[in-house]
Amino acid sequence: MIAGPRNLITDVAGLRVGHAQDATLRSGVTVLTADAPFAASVHVMGGAPGTRETDLLAPDKLVPGVDALALSGGSAFGLAACDGVMAALHAAGRGFAVGPARVPIVPGAIVFDLLNGGDKAWDANPYPALGAAAWTAAGADFAIGAAGAGWGALTGTLKGGVGSASAVLEEGATVGALVVVNALGQATVGDGPHFWAAPWELGSEFGGLGLPDRFPAGREPPPAKRMGEATTIAIVATDLAMDKAGLQRLAVAAHDGMARALVPSHTPLDGDLVFALSTGARVPVDAVGDAFAVGHAAACVLARAIARAVHAATPQPGDLQPCWRDRFA
């Protein structure tokens, strides 16, 4: 596989991503959307998730497609970002048709960034406005690192952020990932600059350092965050036509990429989850073989996107953790 032309999830044609953030709040929202509804599902592996409308994504539920997916900071307050996205979609005439009424479908997930040093003493919840702004800003090109829902993200040792990556498979399907890295675990090996995701790196997209000669001995590091303070939330996307059952399996497979790139992952203290979506633009030639290939690619692409998030993070006033580039670049 090779990276797509942007090395972003928007290499899956038709997808758009937008960010909105507040530097004083040290938080923000990232929204993925498209011109038409898309099929989606989800799989949760972390022990402390925060979600909205994810029950609709089960294979046996009625709604066949969603209008947007929202990733937000703010813990449970951030789930209100979906309200802002819904309002913007409604104003644009979008939504699931129920007679003459239209109801925009916007599943969402949050990370905990309430203790990252930002001013959280708001009079009114800021996340609906940030959600609407992120949807309005959505386009094919977008920033990674300190942006949107990853503006104030932290990890076990280094500043986190938003990451993205893509791959084009030999049979022609495109796979992309979008992730907010706010993990309890580390994206890097021990105290050094090497990324756990190095075996899946394409080119030098996060430094080209490879793996270290030796790995640190001993047990895994103890939790560096308290209960509910850690989460990695992600979206994987493909243009291969898949139903919600197939997409649920794709989300399961993509979690392997999280475990490859963050040590430890899927702990009781993380809210780790993956949304999976399909635009349906490419008809499978071999239903089993194509789904297998896309699942493997999704895991690889998500691992790369996680490393790119940490590698791209930039310093901001008031940071509680160093950036990778400040320590190692």
Protein backbone atom coordinates (compact mmCIF):
# COMPACT_ATOMS: atom_id res chain seq x y z
CA MET A 1 0.00 0.00 0.00
CA ILE A 2 1.02 3.61 -0.52
CA ALA A 3 -0.13 6.81 1.16
CA GLY A 4 -2.81 8.84 -0.59
CA PRO A 5 -1.97 12.25 -2.11
CA ARG A 6 -2.81 14.20 1.08
CA ASN A 7 -2.03 11.41 3.56
CA LEU A 8 -5.30 12.40 5.26
CA ILE A 9 -8.64 10.67 5.75
CA THR A 10 -10.03 12.99 3.06
CA ASP A 11 -8.16 10.95 0.46
CA VAL A 12 -11.36 8.90 0.67
CA ALA A 13 -13.18 10.95 -1.96
CA GLY A 14 -16.16 12.94 -0.77
CA LEU A 15 -15.14 13.27 2.89
CA ARG A 16 -14.43 16.62 4.55
CA VAL A 17 -12.98 17.46 7.96
CA GLY A 18 -13.21 20.71 9.91
CA HIS A 19 -11.73 21.98 13.18
CA ALA A 20 -12.76 24.64 15.65
CA GLN A 21 -10.90 25.40 18.85
CA ASP A 22 -10.63 27.95 21.65
CA ALA A 23 -7.10 28.65 22.86
CA THR A 24 -8.30 30.00 26.22
CA LEU A 25 -10.49 26.95 26.75
CA ARG A 26 -7.65 24.72 25.51
CA SER A 27 -10.19 22.51 23.81
CA GLY A 28 -12.08 22.14 20.56
CA VAL A 29 -14.11 20.04 18.15
CA THR A 30 -13.33 18.11 14.99
CA VAL A 31 -16.11 17.12 12.58
CA LEU A 32 -16.07 14.69 9.67
CA THR A 33 -18.86 15.08 7.14
CA ALA A 34 -19.74 14.55 3.48
CA ASP A 35 -22.18 15.84 0.90
CA ALA A 36 -24.40 12.78 1.35
CA PRO A 37 -25.12 10.44 4.28
CA PHE A 38 -22.68 7.58 4.74
CA ALA A 39 -22.92 4.17 6.39
CA ALA A 40 -21.15 3.94 9.74
CA SER A 41 -20.67 1.70 12.76
CA VAL A 42 -18.59 1.76 15.94
CA HIS A 43 -16.69 -0.47 18.35
CA VAL A 44 -15.71 0.49 21.91
CA MET A 45 -12.71 -1.14 23.64
CA GLY A 46 -11.95 1.32 26.44
CA GLY A 47 -13.44 1.13 29.89
CA ALA A 48 -14.52 4.78 30.20
CA PRO A 49 -16.19 5.93 26.94
CA GLY A 50 -18.26 9.04 26.36
CA THR A 51 -20.57 8.80 23.36
CA ARG A 52 -23.77 9.98 21.72
CA GLU A 53 -26.08 8.23 19.20
CA THR A 54 -23.81 5.21 18.93
CA ASP A 55 -26.70 2.77 19.46
CA LEU A 56 -28.03 3.82 16.04
CA LEU A 57 -24.87 2.43 14.44
CA ALA A 58 -25.56 -1.18 15.38
CA PRO A 59 -26.28 -3.41 12.36
CA ASP A 60 -29.87 -4.10 13.48
CA LYS A 61 -30.87 -0.45 13.92
CA LEU A 62 -33.08 1.46 11.47
CA VAL A 63 -31.05 4.48 10.30
CA PRO A 64 -28.90 3.44 7.31
CA GLY A 65 -26.56 6.45 7.23
CA VAL A 66 -25.26 9.41 9.22
CA ASP A 67 -24.63 13.02 8.20
CA ALA A 68 -21.53 13.70 10.29
CA LEU A 69 -19.34 12.34 13.08
CA ALA A 70 -18.20 14.68 15.85
CA LEU A 71 -15.06 14.27 17.97
CA SER A 72 -14.81 16.70 20.87
CA GLY A 73 -12.92 17.69 23.95
CA GLY A 74 -14.75 18.69 27.09
CA SER A 75 -15.67 15.30 28.53
CA ALA A 76 -19.47 14.95 28.80
CA PHE A 77 -19.91 18.67 28.16
CA GLY A 78 -18.37 18.10 24.73
CA LEU A 79 -21.18 15.81 23.65
CA ALA A 80 -23.18 19.03 23.15
CA ALA A 81 -20.95 19.71 20.12
CA CYS A 82 -23.30 17.37 18.26
CA ASP A 83 -26.13 19.87 18.90
CA GLY A 84 -24.21 22.55 17.02
CA VAL A 85 -23.42 20.20 14.15
CA MET A 86 -27.08 19.17 13.98
CA ALA A 87 -28.20 22.81 13.88
CA ALA A 88 -25.82 23.57 11.02
CA LEU A 89 -26.93 20.49 9.09
CA HIS A 90 -30.61 21.30 9.69
CA ALA A 91 -30.09 24.81 8.36
CA ALA A 92 -28.58 23.23 5.24
CA GLY A 93 -31.64 21.00 4.76
CA ARG A 94 -29.81 17.81 5.75
CA GLY A 95 -31.09 14.92 7.82
CA PHE A 96 -32.94 11.61 7.99
CA ALA A 97 -36.35 12.12 6.40
CA VAL A 98 -39.40 11.37 8.55
CA GLY A 99 -42.28 12.60 6.44
CA PRO A 100 -41.67 16.31 5.86
CA ALA A 101 -39.30 16.52 8.86
CA ARG A 102 -35.54 16.02 8.63
CA VAL A 103 -33.43 14.91 11.57
CA PRO A 104 -29.63 15.19 11.13
CA ILE A 105 -27.85 12.11 12.50
CA VAL A 106 -24.60 13.05 14.25
CA PRO A 107 -22.98 10.39 16.46
CA GLY A 108 -20.16 11.72 18.60
CA ALA A 109 -17.45 10.84 21.09
CA ILE A 110 -15.41 12.87 23.57
CA VAL A 111 -12.03 13.00 25.27
CA PHE A 112 -11.39 14.28 28.79
CA ASP A 113 -9.38 17.53 28.68
CA LEU A 114 -10.91 19.38 31.65
CA LEU A 115 -7.64 19.35 33.64
CA ASN A 116 -5.27 20.50 30.90
CA GLY A 117 -4.81 24.06 32.19
CA GLY A 118 -7.51 25.80 30.14
CA ASP A 119 -10.15 28.13 31.49
CA LYS A 120 -13.22 25.93 31.94
CA ALA A 121 -15.27 28.46 33.98
CA TRP A 122 -17.74 29.18 31.18
CA ASP A 123 -21.19 30.72 31.68
CA ALA A 124 -22.68 28.73 28.80
CA ASN A 125 -21.47 25.46 27.32
CA PRO A 126 -19.13 26.46 24.44
CA TYR A 127 -19.24 23.17 22.58
CA PRO A 128 -22.41 23.66 20.48
CA ALA A 129 -20.88 26.76 18.89
CA LEU A 130 -17.57 24.97 18.35
CA GLY A 131 -19.41 22.05 16.73
CA ALA A 132 -21.24 24.33 14.30
CA ALA A 133 -18.00 26.17 13.47
CA ALA A 134 -16.13 22.92 12.85
CA TRP A 135 -18.84 21.66 10.47
CA THR A 136 -18.82 24.99 8.60
CA ALA A 137 -15.01 24.85 8.28
CA ALA A 138 -14.95 21.31 6.88
CA GLY A 139 -12.85 20.79 3.76
CA ALA A 140 -10.47 18.37 2.07
CA ASP A 141 -7.37 19.85 3.71
CA PHE A 142 -7.03 20.27 7.46
CA ALA A 143 -4.37 20.58 10.14
CA ILE A 144 -2.99 17.80 12.31
CA GLY A 145 -1.31 18.17 15.69
CA ALA A 146 -2.68 20.87 18.01
CA ALA A 147 -6.04 21.48 16.33
CA GLY A 148 -9.74 20.92 16.87
CA ALA A 149 -10.59 18.22 19.39
CA GLY A 150 -6.86 17.61 19.90
CA TRP A 151 -6.02 21.21 20.82
CA GLY A 152 -5.46 20.39 24.49
CA ALA A 153 -4.84 16.65 24.25
CA LEU A 154 -2.23 14.94 26.42
CA THR A 155 -0.71 11.45 26.55
CA GLY A 156 1.20 9.52 29.19
CA THR A 157 4.38 11.52 28.51
CA LEU A 158 4.05 13.91 25.57
CA LYS A 159 1.50 16.34 24.18
CA GLY A 160 -1.12 14.65 22.01
CA GLY A 161 -3.32 16.02 19.25
CA VAL A 162 -5.19 15.19 16.07
CA GLY A 163 -3.65 12.81 13.56
CA SER A 164 -4.60 11.48 10.16
CA ALA A 165 -3.18 9.17 7.51
CA SER A 166 -4.33 7.28 4.42
CA ALA A 167 -3.44 4.35 2.19
CA VAL A 168 -4.33 3.25 -1.32
CA LEU A 169 -4.43 -0.52 -1.68
CA GLU A 170 -3.20 -2.48 -4.69
CA GLU A 171 -6.76 -3.36 -5.68
CA GLY A 172 -7.64 0.36 -5.67
CA ALA A 173 -9.58 0.87 -2.42
CA THR A 174 -8.65 3.85 -0.27
CA VAL A 175 -8.55 3.71 3.52
CA GLY A 176 -8.06 6.67 5.88
CA ALA A 177 -7.94 7.37 9.59
CA LEU A 178 -8.64 10.39 11.78
CA VAL A 179 -7.77 10.25 15.48
CA VAL A 180 -7.69 12.35 18.65
CA VAL A 181 -4.83 11.11 20.83
CA ASN A 182 -5.42 11.85 24.52
CA ALA A 183 -4.20 8.50 25.77
CA LEU A 184 -3.10 7.18 29.13
CA GLY A 185 -0.40 5.25 27.30
CA GLN A 186 2.69 6.38 25.39
CA ALA A 187 3.11 6.74 21.65
CA THR A 188 6.89 6.55 22.05
CA VAL A 189 9.17 3.82 23.38
CA GLY A 190 10.49 4.50 26.89
CA ASP A 191 12.17 7.89 27.22
CA GLY A 192 13.35 8.01 23.62
CA PRO A 193 12.04 9.49 20.35
CA HIS A 194 11.07 6.24 18.61
CA PHE A 195 7.40 5.58 17.91
CA TRP A 196 5.77 2.24 18.67
CA ALA A 197 4.07 2.57 15.26
CA ALA A 198 7.41 2.63 13.41
CA PRO A 199 7.01 -0.75 11.63
CA TRP A 200 3.99 0.66 9.76
CA GLU A 201 5.46 4.06 8.88
CA LEU A 202 5.39 5.05 5.19
CA GLY A 203 8.38 7.16 4.22
CA SER A 204 9.34 9.56 7.00
CA GLU A 205 5.85 10.70 7.93
CA PHE A 206 6.72 10.77 11.63
CA GLY A 207 10.48 11.12 11.53
CA GLY A 208 11.66 7.90 9.89
CA LEU A 209 13.53 6.82 13.03
CA GLY A 210 12.51 3.18 13.03
CA LEU A 211 12.52 1.26 16.31
CA PRO A 212 15.23 1.48 18.99
CA ASP A 213 17.95 -1.18 19.19
CA ARG A 214 16.65 -2.30 22.57
CA PHE A 215 13.32 -2.05 24.34
CA PRO A 216 13.01 -0.95 27.97
CA ALA A 217 12.93 -3.92 30.33
CA GLY A 218 10.40 -4.40 33.09
CA ARG A 219 6.69 -3.98 33.45
CA GLU A 220 4.43 -1.54 31.64
CA PRO A 221 4.41 2.00 33.07
CA PRO A 222 1.87 2.76 35.81
CA PRO A 223 -1.14 4.94 34.91
CA ALA A 224 -0.09 8.58 34.59
CA LYS A 225 -3.67 9.88 34.55
CA ARG A 226 -6.65 9.42 36.84
CA MET A 227 -9.90 7.67 36.04
CA GLY A 228 -11.70 9.27 33.09
CA GLU A 229 -8.80 11.51 32.07
CA ALA A 230 -7.66 9.44 29.08
CA THR A 231 -9.17 8.48 25.75
CA THR A 232 -8.21 7.91 22.15
CA ILE A 233 -11.12 8.30 19.73
CA ALA A 234 -10.80 7.55 16.04
CA ILE A 235 -12.58 7.28 12.71
CA VAL A 236 -11.50 4.93 9.93
CA ALA A 237 -13.01 5.33 6.49
CA THR A 238 -13.02 3.56 3.15
CA ASP A 239 -14.59 3.99 -0.25
CA LEU A 240 -15.24 0.22 -0.42
CA ALA A 241 -18.98 -0.43 -0.14
CA MET A 242 -19.72 -2.07 3.22
CA ASP A 243 -22.88 -2.47 5.29
CA LYS A 244 -23.08 -1.67 8.99
CA ALA A 245 -22.20 -5.24 9.99
CA GLY A 246 -19.07 -5.13 7.84
CA LEU A 247 -18.18 -1.71 9.20
CA GLN A 248 -18.49 -2.95 12.75
CA ARG A 249 -15.93 -5.63 11.93
CA LEU A 250 -13.75 -2.96 10.30
CA ALA A 251 -13.85 -0.93 13.52
CA VAL A 252 -12.83 -4.02 15.50
CA ALA A 253 -9.87 -4.62 13.18
CA ALA A 254 -8.81 -0.98 13.37
CA HIS A 255 -8.40 -1.24 17.13
CA ASP A 256 -5.29 -3.32 16.43
CA GLY A 257 -3.70 -0.13 15.14
CA MET A 258 -4.38 1.60 18.44
CA ALA A 259 -2.70 -1.22 20.35
CA ARG A 260 0.30 -1.09 18.00
CA ALA A 261 0.81 2.65 18.47
CA LEU A 262 -0.05 3.28 22.15
CA VAL A 263 1.32 1.30 25.09
CA PRO A 264 -0.77 0.45 27.02
CA SER A 265 -4.10 0.72 25.16
CA HIS A 266 -7.72 -0.18 25.91
CA THR A 267 -7.27 0.16 29.65
CA PRO A 268 -10.12 0.53 32.18
CA LEU A 269 -9.12 4.21 32.40
CA ASP A 270 -9.37 4.94 28.66
CA GLY A 271 -12.52 5.51 26.61
CA ASP A 272 -10.99 4.10 23.43
CA LEU A 273 -13.36 3.70 20.50
CA VAL A 274 -13.28 3.57 16.70
CA PHE A 275 -16.00 4.67 14.28
CA ALA A 276 -15.86 3.04 10.84
CA LEU A 277 -17.55 4.45 7.75
CA SER A 278 -17.97 3.76 4.06
CA THR A 279 -18.84 6.13 1.25
CA GLY A 280 -19.84 3.13 -0.87
CA ALA A 281 -18.13 4.45 -4.00
CA ARG A 282 -16.23 1.25 -4.83
CA VAL A 283 -18.05 -2.06 -5.39
CA PRO A 284 -16.20 -5.07 -3.90
CA VAL A 285 -14.86 -7.60 -6.37
CA ASP A 286 -14.19 -10.26 -3.73
CA ALA A 287 -16.40 -9.54 -0.70
CA VAL A 288 -14.33 -11.58 1.76
CA GLY A 289 -10.90 -10.77 0.36
CA ASP A 290 -11.58 -7.05 -0.02
CA ALA A 291 -12.96 -6.77 3.52
CA PHE A 292 -9.89 -8.60 4.84
CA ALA A 293 -7.52 -6.24 3.02
CA VAL A 294 -9.36 -3.10 4.13
CA GLY A 295 -9.39 -4.30 7.76
CA HIS A 296 -5.65 -4.87 7.75
CA ALA A 297 -5.10 -1.49 6.11
CA ALA A 298 -7.32 0.25 8.67
CA ALA A 299 -5.17 -1.03 11.53
CA CYS A 300 -1.98 0.09 9.80
CA VAL A 301 -3.36 3.51 8.89
CA LEU A 302 -4.69 4.16 12.41
CA ALA A 303 -1.31 3.30 13.95
CA ARG A 304 0.35 5.80 11.59
CA ALA A 305 -2.25 8.48 12.30
CA ILE A 306 -1.64 8.17 16.06
CA ALA A 307 2.11 8.63 15.63
CA ARG A 308 1.57 11.55 13.28
CA ALA A 309 -0.64 13.27 15.87
CA VAL A 310 2.12 13.24 18.50
CA HIS A 311 4.86 14.00 15.97
CA ALA A 312 2.98 17.04 14.62
CA ALA A 313 1.97 18.58 17.97
CA THR A 314 3.20 22.14 18.43
CA PRO A 315 3.80 24.07 21.66
CA GLN A 316 1.19 26.48 22.98
CA PRO A 317 1.35 28.84 25.97
CA GLY A 318 0.39 27.04 29.15
CA ASP A 319 1.24 23.51 27.96
CA LEU A 320 1.48 20.95 30.76
CA GLN A 321 3.55 18.51 28.68
CA PRO A 322 6.39 18.89 26.18
CA CYS A 323 5.90 18.29 22.47
CA TRP A 324 7.78 15.53 20.68
CA ARG A 325 9.48 18.07 18.44
CA ASP A 326 10.69 20.11 21.42
CA ARG A 327 12.32 17.08 23.01
CA PHE A 328 13.59 15.19 19.99
CA ALA A 329 13.38 17.06 16.68
